[in-house]
Every structure is written in C-alpha cells, then in structure tokens.
Amino acid sequence: GFRYYVVGSCEFNSSKLNDIEFTLSYYYNKLEYIGFSSSVGKYVGYTEHGIKNAERWNNGPEVITSRGEKERYCFRNVGVFTESALTKS
C-alpha cells in the first residue's frame, strides 16, 4: 500500500520565541515531497508534485496559517516541554 503522513515539530534550545523553529514535513512512501520551515517562511517542494503544491500553497491561505503555528503551537507549549524535561533530569 501507499503511506502518507505529516510531521510537525518545534525545535528549540531556549524559551525565547526567536530561538524556536517550527517545521512541517509532508511524506509519501517515506519520501518528503514538501516542507514548511518558520525560518524560511514558506513551503519548499522537493519533488515535481511538491514544487507544484508549494507554488499553490505559498499563494494561498495555507502559508499564512503555517506562519502562525510557531507562535500558536510551539511557543504555547515550550513551557510544558521544558518543565517536563527539567523535572525528570
């Protein structure tokens, strides 16, 4: 069969919003075909299909929504992640 999945992540080494990077990667059959990075600020396609989607998503509401995820998702949860890690060390 075919496998499609999306992985979102927040990478950080401090609780400052500027130090956090939000990434969103789309995979099909273990191959990343398109991705979003908050440091780049737009979608980047890695395959022919991904490049076409990146062009469309960068000109639509998808890119605006993804740009807000760093603050909405990552910054809101960074305190939970760091508190959890610090209490277990």
PDB file of N, CA and C in Angstrom:
ATOM      1  N   GLY A   1       0.812  -1.187   0.000  1.00  0.00           N
ATOM      2  CA  GLY A   1       0.000   0.000   0.000  1.00  0.00           C
ATOM      3  C   GLY A   1       0.852   1.244   0.000  1.00  0.00           C
ATOM      4  N   PHE A   2       0.181   2.345  -0.045  1.00  0.00           N
ATOM      5  CA  PHE A   2       0.830   3.644  -0.036  1.00  0.00           C
ATOM      6  C   PHE A   2       0.686   4.271   1.340  1.00  0.00           C
ATOM      7  N   ARG A   3       1.679   5.064   1.704  1.00  0.00           N
ATOM      8  CA  ARG A   3       1.666   5.673   3.024  1.00  0.00           C
ATOM      9  C   ARG A   3       1.881   7.175   2.911  1.00  0.00           C
ATOM     10  N   TYR A   4       0.959   7.943   3.489  1.00  0.00           N
ATOM     11  CA  TYR A   4       1.029   9.402   3.516  1.00  0.00           C
ATOM     12  C   TYR A   4       0.995   9.832   4.978  1.00  0.00           C
ATOM     13  N   TYR A   5       1.896  10.725   5.369  1.00  0.00           N
ATOM     14  CA  TYR A   5       1.871  11.243   6.731  1.00  0.00           C
ATOM     15  C   TYR A   5       2.525  12.612   6.790  1.00  0.00           C
ATOM     16  N   VAL A   6       2.187  13.339   7.854  1.00  0.00           N
ATOM     17  CA  VAL A   6       2.680  14.699   8.068  1.00  0.00           C
ATOM     18  C   VAL A   6       3.328  14.743   9.446  1.00  0.00           C
ATOM     19  N   VAL A   7       4.503  15.372   9.520  1.00  0.00           N
ATOM     20  CA  VAL A   7       5.215  15.504  10.784  1.00  0.00           C
ATOM     21  C   VAL A   7       5.437  16.989  11.067  1.00  0.00           C
ATOM     22  N   GLY A   8       4.928  17.437  12.199  1.00  0.00           N
ATOM     23  CA  GLY A   8       5.160  18.809  12.656  1.00  0.00           C
ATOM     24  C   GLY A   8       6.065  18.772  13.863  1.00  0.00           C
ATOM     25  N   SER A   9       7.007  19.702  13.939  1.00  0.00           N
ATOM     26  CA  SER A   9       7.917  19.704  15.085  1.00  0.00           C
ATOM     27  C   SER A   9       8.333  21.118  15.458  1.00  0.00           C
ATOM     28  N   CYS A  10       8.713  21.250  16.714  1.00  0.00           N
ATOM     29  CA  CYS A  10       9.245  22.503  17.248  1.00  0.00           C
ATOM     30  C   CYS A  10      10.636  22.197  17.782  1.00  0.00           C
ATOM     31  N   GLU A  11      11.622  22.868  17.255  1.00  0.00           N
ATOM     32  CA  GLU A  11      12.994  22.682  17.732  1.00  0.00           C
ATOM     33  C   GLU A  11      13.421  23.956  18.450  1.00  0.00           C
ATOM     34  N   PHE A  12      13.968  23.774  19.645  1.00  0.00           N
ATOM     35  CA  PHE A  12      14.352  24.942  20.433  1.00  0.00           C
ATOM     36  C   PHE A  12      15.446  24.583  21.424  1.00  0.00           C
ATOM     37  N   ASN A  13      16.190  25.604  21.841  1.00  0.00           N
ATOM     38  CA  ASN A  13      17.183  25.410  22.900  1.00  0.00           C
ATOM     39  C   ASN A  13      17.034  26.470  23.981  1.00  0.00           C
ATOM     40  N   SER A  14      15.988  27.285  23.881  1.00  0.00           N
ATOM     41  CA  SER A  14      15.627  28.230  24.929  1.00  0.00           C
ATOM     42  C   SER A  14      14.139  28.520  24.792  1.00  0.00           C
ATOM     43  N   SER A  15      13.590  29.245  25.756  1.00  0.00           N
ATOM     44  CA  SER A  15      12.155  29.541  25.724  1.00  0.00           C
ATOM     45  C   SER A  15      11.833  30.824  24.969  1.00  0.00           C
ATOM     46  N   LYS A  16      12.814  31.426  24.323  1.00  0.00           N
ATOM     47  CA  LYS A  16      12.578  32.650  23.549  1.00  0.00           C
ATOM     48  C   LYS A  16      11.968  32.291  22.197  1.00  0.00           C
ATOM     49  N   LEU A  17      10.976  33.064  21.785  1.00  0.00           N
ATOM     50  CA  LEU A  17      10.276  32.775  20.529  1.00  0.00           C
ATOM     51  C   LEU A  17      11.217  32.842  19.330  1.00  0.00           C
ATOM     52  N   ASN A  18      12.212  33.714  19.357  1.00  0.00           N
ATOM     53  CA  ASN A  18      13.140  33.840  18.234  1.00  0.00           C
ATOM     54  C   ASN A  18      14.015  32.608  18.048  1.00  0.00           C
ATOM     55  N   ASP A  19      14.218  31.836  19.120  1.00  0.00           N
ATOM     56  CA  ASP A  19      15.077  30.650  19.054  1.00  0.00           C
ATOM     57  C   ASP A  19      14.338  29.383  18.643  1.00  0.00           C
ATOM     58  N   ILE A  20      13.023  29.465  18.457  1.00  0.00           N
ATOM     59  CA  ILE A  20      12.219  28.295  18.129  1.00  0.00           C
ATOM     60  C   ILE A  20      12.030  28.208  16.624  1.00  0.00           C
ATOM     61  N   GLU A  21      12.153  26.992  16.081  1.00  0.00           N
ATOM     62  CA  GLU A  21      11.862  26.779  14.667  1.00  0.00           C
ATOM     63  C   GLU A  21      10.747  25.744  14.544  1.00  0.00           C
ATOM     64  N   PHE A  22       9.702  26.114  13.825  1.00  0.00           N
ATOM     65  CA  PHE A  22       8.592  25.207  13.546  1.00  0.00           C
ATOM     66  C   PHE A  22       8.769  24.634  12.148  1.00  0.00           C
ATOM     67  N   THR A  23       8.686  23.316  12.029  1.00  0.00           N
ATOM     68  CA  THR A  23       8.772  22.679  10.714  1.00  0.00           C
ATOM     69  C   THR A  23       7.574  21.763  10.523  1.00  0.00           C
ATOM     70  N   LEU A  24       7.148  21.673   9.284  1.00  0.00           N
ATOM     71  CA  LEU A  24       6.039  20.815   8.899  1.00  0.00           C
ATOM     72  C   LEU A  24       6.463  20.087   7.634  1.00  0.00           C
ATOM     73  N   SER A  25       6.537  18.760   7.697  1.00  0.00           N
ATOM     74  CA  SER A  25       7.024  17.957   6.576  1.00  0.00           C
ATOM     75  C   SER A  25       5.939  16.988   6.126  1.00  0.00           C
ATOM     76  N   TYR A  26       5.731  16.918   4.821  1.00  0.00           N
ATOM     77  CA  TYR A  26       4.747  16.016   4.222  1.00  0.00           C
ATOM     78  C   TYR A  26       5.492  14.895   3.503  1.00  0.00           C
ATOM     79  N   TYR A  27       5.112  13.651   3.817  1.00  0.00           N
ATOM     80  CA  TYR A  27       5.782  12.477   3.256  1.00  0.00           C
ATOM     81  C   TYR A  27       4.791  11.610   2.490  1.00  0.00           C
ATOM     82  N   TYR A  28       5.297  10.988   1.450  1.00  0.00           N
ATOM     83  CA  TYR A  28       4.549   9.979   0.713  1.00  0.00           C
ATOM     84  C   TYR A  28       5.515   8.847   0.407  1.00  0.00           C
ATOM     85  N   ASN A  29       5.204   7.662   0.900  1.00  0.00           N
ATOM     86  CA  ASN A  29       6.083   6.492   0.751  1.00  0.00           C
ATOM     87  C   ASN A  29       7.518   6.777   1.223  1.00  0.00           C
ATOM     88  N   LYS A  30       7.633   7.356   2.410  1.00  0.00           N
ATOM     89  CA  LYS A  30       8.903   7.637   3.082  1.00  0.00           C
ATOM     90  C   LYS A  30       9.733   8.745   2.420  1.00  0.00           C
ATOM     91  N   LEU A  31       9.191   9.422   1.423  1.00  0.00           N
ATOM     92  CA  LEU A  31       9.913  10.487   0.732  1.00  0.00           C
ATOM     93  C   LEU A  31       9.255  11.831   1.042  1.00  0.00           C
ATOM     94  N   GLU A  32      10.026  12.749   1.614  1.00  0.00           N
ATOM     95  CA  GLU A  32       9.486  14.086   1.872  1.00  0.00           C
ATOM     96  C   GLU A  32       9.328  14.809   0.537  1.00  0.00           C
ATOM     97  N   TYR A  33       8.107  15.233   0.245  1.00  0.00           N
ATOM     98  CA  TYR A  33       7.878  15.903  -1.036  1.00  0.00           C
ATOM     99  C   TYR A  33       7.618  17.392  -0.899  1.00  0.00           C
ATOM    100  N   ILE A  34       7.266  17.849   0.303  1.00  0.00           N
ATOM    101  CA  ILE A  34       7.086  19.283   0.536  1.00  0.00           C
ATOM    102  C   ILE A  34       7.289  19.556   2.020  1.00  0.00           C
ATOM    103  N   GLY A  35       7.808  20.743   2.327  1.00  0.00           N
ATOM    104  CA  GLY A  35       8.030  21.089   3.718  1.00  0.00           C
ATOM    105  C   GLY A  35       7.896  22.573   3.956  1.00  0.00           C
ATOM    106  N   PHE A  36       7.558  22.914   5.200  1.00  0.00           N
ATOM    107  CA  PHE A  36       7.483  24.309   5.628  1.00  0.00           C
ATOM    108  C   PHE A  36       8.430  24.491   6.805  1.00  0.00           C
ATOM    109  N   SER A  37       9.161  25.592   6.809  1.00  0.00           N
ATOM    110  CA  SER A  37      10.037  25.945   7.921  1.00  0.00           C
ATOM    111  C   SER A  37       9.757  27.384   8.303  1.00  0.00           C
ATOM    112  N   SER A  38       9.603  27.645   9.597  1.00  0.00           N
ATOM    113  CA  SER A  38       9.328  29.010  10.033  1.00  0.00           C
ATOM    114  C   SER A  38      10.522  29.932   9.782  1.00  0.00           C
ATOM    115  N   SER A  39      11.721  29.390   9.713  1.00  0.00           N
ATOM    116  CA  SER A  39      12.887  30.239   9.433  1.00  0.00           C
ATOM    117  C   SER A  39      12.931  30.654   7.959  1.00  0.00           C
ATOM    118  N   VAL A  40      12.384  29.834   7.073  1.00  0.00           N
ATOM    119  CA  VAL A  40      12.288  30.188   5.651  1.00  0.00           C
ATOM    120  C   VAL A  40      11.025  31.000   5.405  1.00  0.00           C
ATOM    121  N   GLY A  41       9.927  30.633   6.086  1.00  0.00           N
ATOM    122  CA  GLY A  41       8.678  31.372   5.997  1.00  0.00           C
ATOM    123  C   GLY A  41       7.791  30.998   4.830  1.00  0.00           C
ATOM    124  N   LYS A  42       8.110  29.896   4.163  1.00  0.00           N
ATOM    125  CA  LYS A  42       7.279  29.455   3.048  1.00  0.00           C
ATOM    126  C   LYS A  42       7.469  27.959   2.839  1.00  0.00           C
ATOM    127  N   TYR A  43       6.622  27.394   1.972  1.00  0.00           N
ATOM    128  CA  TYR A  43       6.730  25.983   1.615  1.00  0.00           C
ATOM    129  C   TYR A  43       7.789  25.808   0.536  1.00  0.00           C
ATOM    130  N   VAL A  44       8.501  24.694   0.625  1.00  0.00           N
ATOM    131  CA  VAL A  44       9.514  24.347  -0.362  1.00  0.00           C
ATOM    132  C   VAL A  44       9.204  22.939  -0.856  1.00  0.00           C
ATOM    133  N   GLY A  45       9.146  22.778  -2.173  1.00  0.00           N
ATOM    134  CA  GLY A  45       8.886  21.469  -2.763  1.00  0.00           C
ATOM    135  C   GLY A  45      10.175  20.742  -3.083  1.00  0.00           C
ATOM    136  N   TYR A  46      10.174  19.429  -2.864  1.00  0.00           N
ATOM    137  CA  TYR A  46      11.362  18.619  -3.107  1.00  0.00           C
ATOM    138  C   TYR A  46      11.183  17.635  -4.253  1.00  0.00           C
ATOM    139  N   THR A  47       9.958  17.486  -4.735  1.00  0.00           N
ATOM    140  CA  THR A  47       9.674  16.642  -5.885  1.00  0.00           C
ATOM    141  C   THR A  47       8.842  17.464  -6.868  1.00  0.00           C
ATOM    142  N   GLU A  48       8.582  16.911  -8.034  1.00  0.00           N
ATOM    143  CA  GLU A  48       7.765  17.631  -9.016  1.00  0.00           C
ATOM    144  C   GLU A  48       6.383  17.954  -8.440  1.00  0.00           C
ATOM    145  N   HIS A  49       5.779  16.984  -7.802  1.00  0.00           N
ATOM    146  CA  HIS A  49       4.471  17.203  -7.174  1.00  0.00           C
ATOM    147  C   HIS A  49       4.572  18.223  -6.037  1.00  0.00           C
ATOM    148  N   GLY A  50       5.634  18.132  -5.237  1.00  0.00           N
ATOM    149  CA  GLY A  50       5.831  19.053  -4.125  1.00  0.00           C
ATOM    150  C   GLY A  50       6.060  20.488  -4.576  1.00  0.00           C
ATOM    151  N   ILE A  51       6.786  20.678  -5.670  1.00  0.00           N
ATOM    152  CA  ILE A  51       7.047  22.021  -6.198  1.00  0.00           C
ATOM    153  C   ILE A  51       5.738  22.666  -6.654  1.00  0.00           C
ATOM    154  N   LYS A  52       4.880  21.879  -7.313  1.00  0.00           N
ATOM    155  CA  LYS A  52       3.583  22.419  -7.751  1.00  0.00           C
ATOM    156  C   LYS A  52       2.719  22.810  -6.557  1.00  0.00           C
ATOM    157  N   ASN A  53       2.694  21.961  -5.529  1.00  0.00           N
ATOM    158  CA  ASN A  53       1.922  22.285  -4.333  1.00  0.00           C
ATOM    159  C   ASN A  53       2.506  23.484  -3.600  1.00  0.00           C
ATOM    160  N   ALA A  54       3.822  23.575  -3.530  1.00  0.00           N
ATOM    161  CA  ALA A  54       4.458  24.705  -2.840  1.00  0.00           C
ATOM    162  C   ALA A  54       4.081  26.023  -3.504  1.00  0.00           C
ATOM    163  N   GLU A  55       4.081  26.064  -4.823  1.00  0.00           N
ATOM    164  CA  GLU A  55       3.686  27.286  -5.528  1.00  0.00           C
ATOM    165  C   GLU A  55       2.253  27.677  -5.188  1.00  0.00           C
ATOM    166  N   ARG A  56       1.367  26.688  -5.173  1.00  0.00           N
ATOM    167  CA  ARG A  56      -0.045  26.953  -4.882  1.00  0.00           C
ATOM    168  C   ARG A  56      -0.240  27.343  -3.419  1.00  0.00           C
ATOM    169  N   TRP A  57       0.387  26.615  -2.494  1.00  0.00           N
ATOM    170  CA  TRP A  57       0.219  26.888  -1.070  1.00  0.00           C
ATOM    171  C   TRP A  57       0.860  28.204  -0.651  1.00  0.00           C
ATOM    172  N   ASN A  58       1.955  28.603  -1.295  1.00  0.00           N
ATOM    173  CA  ASN A  58       2.605  29.873  -0.953  1.00  0.00           C
ATOM    174  C   ASN A  58       1.793  31.073  -1.426  1.00  0.00           C
ATOM    175  N   ASN A  59       0.847  30.857  -2.321  1.00  0.00           N
ATOM    176  CA  ASN A  59      -0.021  31.937  -2.791  1.00  0.00           C
ATOM    177  C   ASN A  59      -1.427  31.844  -2.213  1.00  0.00           C
ATOM    178  N   GLY A  60      -1.627  30.993  -1.233  1.00  0.00           N
ATOM    179  CA  GLY A  60      -2.946  30.797  -0.645  1.00  0.00           C
ATOM    180  C   GLY A  60      -2.925  30.948   0.863  1.00  0.00           C
ATOM    181  N   PRO A  61      -4.028  30.607   1.500  1.00  0.00           N
ATOM    182  CA  PRO A  61      -4.125  30.762   2.960  1.00  0.00           C
ATOM    183  C   PRO A  61      -3.272  29.764   3.739  1.00  0.00           C
ATOM    184  N   GLU A  62      -2.806  28.702   3.090  1.00  0.00           N
ATOM    185  CA  GLU A  62      -2.016  27.686   3.796  1.00  0.00           C
ATOM    186  C   GLU A  62      -0.736  28.267   4.391  1.00  0.00           C
ATOM    187  N   VAL A  63      -0.054  29.130   3.640  1.00  0.00           N
ATOM    188  CA  VAL A  63       1.213  29.687   4.135  1.00  0.00           C
ATOM    189  C   VAL A  63       0.965  30.635   5.304  1.00  0.00           C
ATOM    190  N   ILE A  64      -0.122  31.365   5.287  1.00  0.00           N
ATOM    191  CA  ILE A  64      -0.442  32.280   6.386  1.00  0.00           C
ATOM    192  C   ILE A  64      -0.725  31.483   7.658  1.00  0.00           C
ATOM    193  N   THR A  65      -1.476  30.412   7.521  1.00  0.00           N
ATOM    194  CA  THR A  65      -1.774  29.553   8.668  1.00  0.00           C
ATOM    195  C   THR A  65      -0.499  28.943   9.234  1.00  0.00           C
ATOM    196  N   SER A  66       0.369  28.433   8.375  1.00  0.00           N
ATOM    197  CA  SER A  66       1.605  27.791   8.839  1.00  0.00           C
ATOM    198  C   SER A  66       2.547  28.782   9.501  1.00  0.00           C
ATOM    199  N   ARG A  67       2.565  30.019   9.032  1.00  0.00           N
ATOM    200  CA  ARG A  67       3.425  31.033   9.665  1.00  0.00           C
ATOM    201  C   ARG A  67       3.000  31.306  11.103  1.00  0.00           C
ATOM    202  N   GLY A  68       1.726  31.164  11.397  1.00  0.00           N
ATOM    203  CA  GLY A  68       1.232  31.403  12.748  1.00  0.00           C
ATOM    204  C   GLY A  68       1.414  30.234  13.698  1.00  0.00           C
ATOM    205  N   GLU A  69       1.766  29.063  13.177  1.00  0.00           N
ATOM    206  CA  GLU A  69       1.894  27.872  14.009  1.00  0.00           C
ATOM    207  C   GLU A  69       3.041  27.959  15.011  1.00  0.00           C
ATOM    208  N   LYS A  70       4.097  28.649  14.671  1.00  0.00           N
ATOM    209  CA  LYS A  70       5.233  28.786  15.594  1.00  0.00           C
ATOM    210  C   LYS A  70       4.763  29.417  16.896  1.00  0.00           C
ATOM    211  N   GLU A  71       4.012  30.495  16.773  1.00  0.00           N
ATOM    212  CA  GLU A  71       3.533  31.170  17.974  1.00  0.00           C
ATOM    213  C   GLU A  71       2.374  30.408  18.618  1.00  0.00           C
ATOM    214  N   ARG A  72       1.442  29.922  17.807  1.00  0.00           N
ATOM    215  CA  ARG A  72       0.263  29.260  18.340  1.00  0.00           C
ATOM    216  C   ARG A  72       0.600  27.927  19.003  1.00  0.00           C
ATOM    217  N   TYR A  73       1.380  27.106  18.319  1.00  0.00           N
ATOM    218  CA  TYR A  73       1.650  25.759  18.817  1.00  0.00           C
ATOM    219  C   TYR A  73       2.952  25.678  19.619  1.00  0.00           C
ATOM    220  N   CYS A  74       4.036  26.097  19.026  1.00  0.00           N
ATOM    221  CA  CYS A  74       5.345  25.927  19.679  1.00  0.00           C
ATOM    222  C   CYS A  74       5.485  26.793  20.918  1.00  0.00           C
ATOM    223  N   PHE A  75       5.255  28.072  20.786  1.00  0.00           N
ATOM    224  CA  PHE A  75       5.504  28.974  21.908  1.00  0.00           C
ATOM    225  C   PHE A  75       4.562  28.674  23.064  1.00  0.00           C
ATOM    226  N   ARG A  76       3.352  28.275  22.748  1.00  0.00           N
ATOM    227  CA  ARG A  76       2.382  27.944  23.792  1.00  0.00           C
ATOM    228  C   ARG A  76       2.802  26.700  24.576  1.00  0.00           C
ATOM    229  N   ASN A  77       3.475  25.769  23.917  1.00  0.00           N
ATOM    230  CA  ASN A  77       3.825  24.500  24.554  1.00  0.00           C
ATOM    231  C   ASN A  77       5.274  24.395  25.012  1.00  0.00           C
ATOM    232  N   VAL A  78       6.120  25.355  24.695  1.00  0.00           N
ATOM    233  CA  VAL A  78       7.534  25.247  25.052  1.00  0.00           C
ATOM    234  C   VAL A  78       7.717  25.161  26.570  1.00  0.00           C
ATOM    235  N   GLY A  79       6.903  25.866  27.321  1.00  0.00           N
ATOM    236  CA  GLY A  79       6.991  25.792  28.775  1.00  0.00           C
ATOM    237  C   GLY A  79       6.673  24.407  29.296  1.00  0.00           C
ATOM    238  N   VAL A  80       5.686  23.753  28.692  1.00  0.00           N
ATOM    239  CA  VAL A  80       5.310  22.395  29.093  1.00  0.00           C
ATOM    240  C   VAL A  80       6.450  21.435  28.800  1.00  0.00           C
ATOM    241  N   PHE A  81       7.064  21.554  27.612  1.00  0.00           N
ATOM    242  CA  PHE A  81       8.161  20.664  27.230  1.00  0.00           C
ATOM    243  C   PHE A  81       9.365  20.841  28.144  1.00  0.00           C
ATOM    244  N   THR A  82       9.774  22.081  28.375  1.00  0.00           N
ATOM    245  CA  THR A  82      10.974  22.312  29.191  1.00  0.00           C
ATOM    246  C   THR A  82      10.724  21.939  30.644  1.00  0.00           C
ATOM    247  N   GLU A  83       9.550  22.239  31.171  1.00  0.00           N
ATOM    248  CA  GLU A  83       9.236  21.888  32.562  1.00  0.00           C
ATOM    249  C   GLU A  83       9.263  20.370  32.742  1.00  0.00           C
ATOM    250  N   SER A  84       8.687  19.663  31.800  1.00  0.00           N
ATOM    251  CA  SER A  84       8.667  18.201  31.856  1.00  0.00           C
ATOM    252  C   SER A  84      10.081  17.625  31.813  1.00  0.00           C
ATOM    253  N   ALA A  85      10.914  18.161  30.944  1.00  0.00           N
ATOM    254  CA  ALA A  85      12.288  17.657  30.817  1.00  0.00           C
ATOM    255  C   ALA A  85      13.113  17.999  32.053  1.00  0.00           C
ATOM    256  N   LEU A  86      12.939  19.177  32.603  1.00  0.00           N
ATOM    257  CA  LEU A  86      13.750  19.596  33.743  1.00  0.00           C
ATOM    258  C   LEU A  86      13.386  18.833  35.022  1.00  0.00           C
ATOM    259  N   THR A  87      12.133  18.468  35.182  1.00  0.00           N
ATOM    260  CA  THR A  87      11.727  17.755  36.402  1.00  0.00           C
ATOM    261  C   THR A  87      12.148  16.295  36.361  1.00  0.00           C
ATOM    262  N   LYS A  88      12.489  15.758  35.191  1.00  0.00           N
ATOM    263  CA  LYS A  88      12.872  14.353  35.077  1.00  0.00           C
ATOM    264  C   LYS A  88      14.381  14.155  35.024  1.00  0.00           C
ATOM    265  N   SER A  89      15.157  15.225  35.025  1.00  0.00           N
ATOM    266  CA  SER A  89      16.600  15.050  34.920  1.00  0.00           C
ATOM    267  C   SER A  89      17.252  14.953  36.279  1.00  0.00           C
TER     268      SER A  89
END
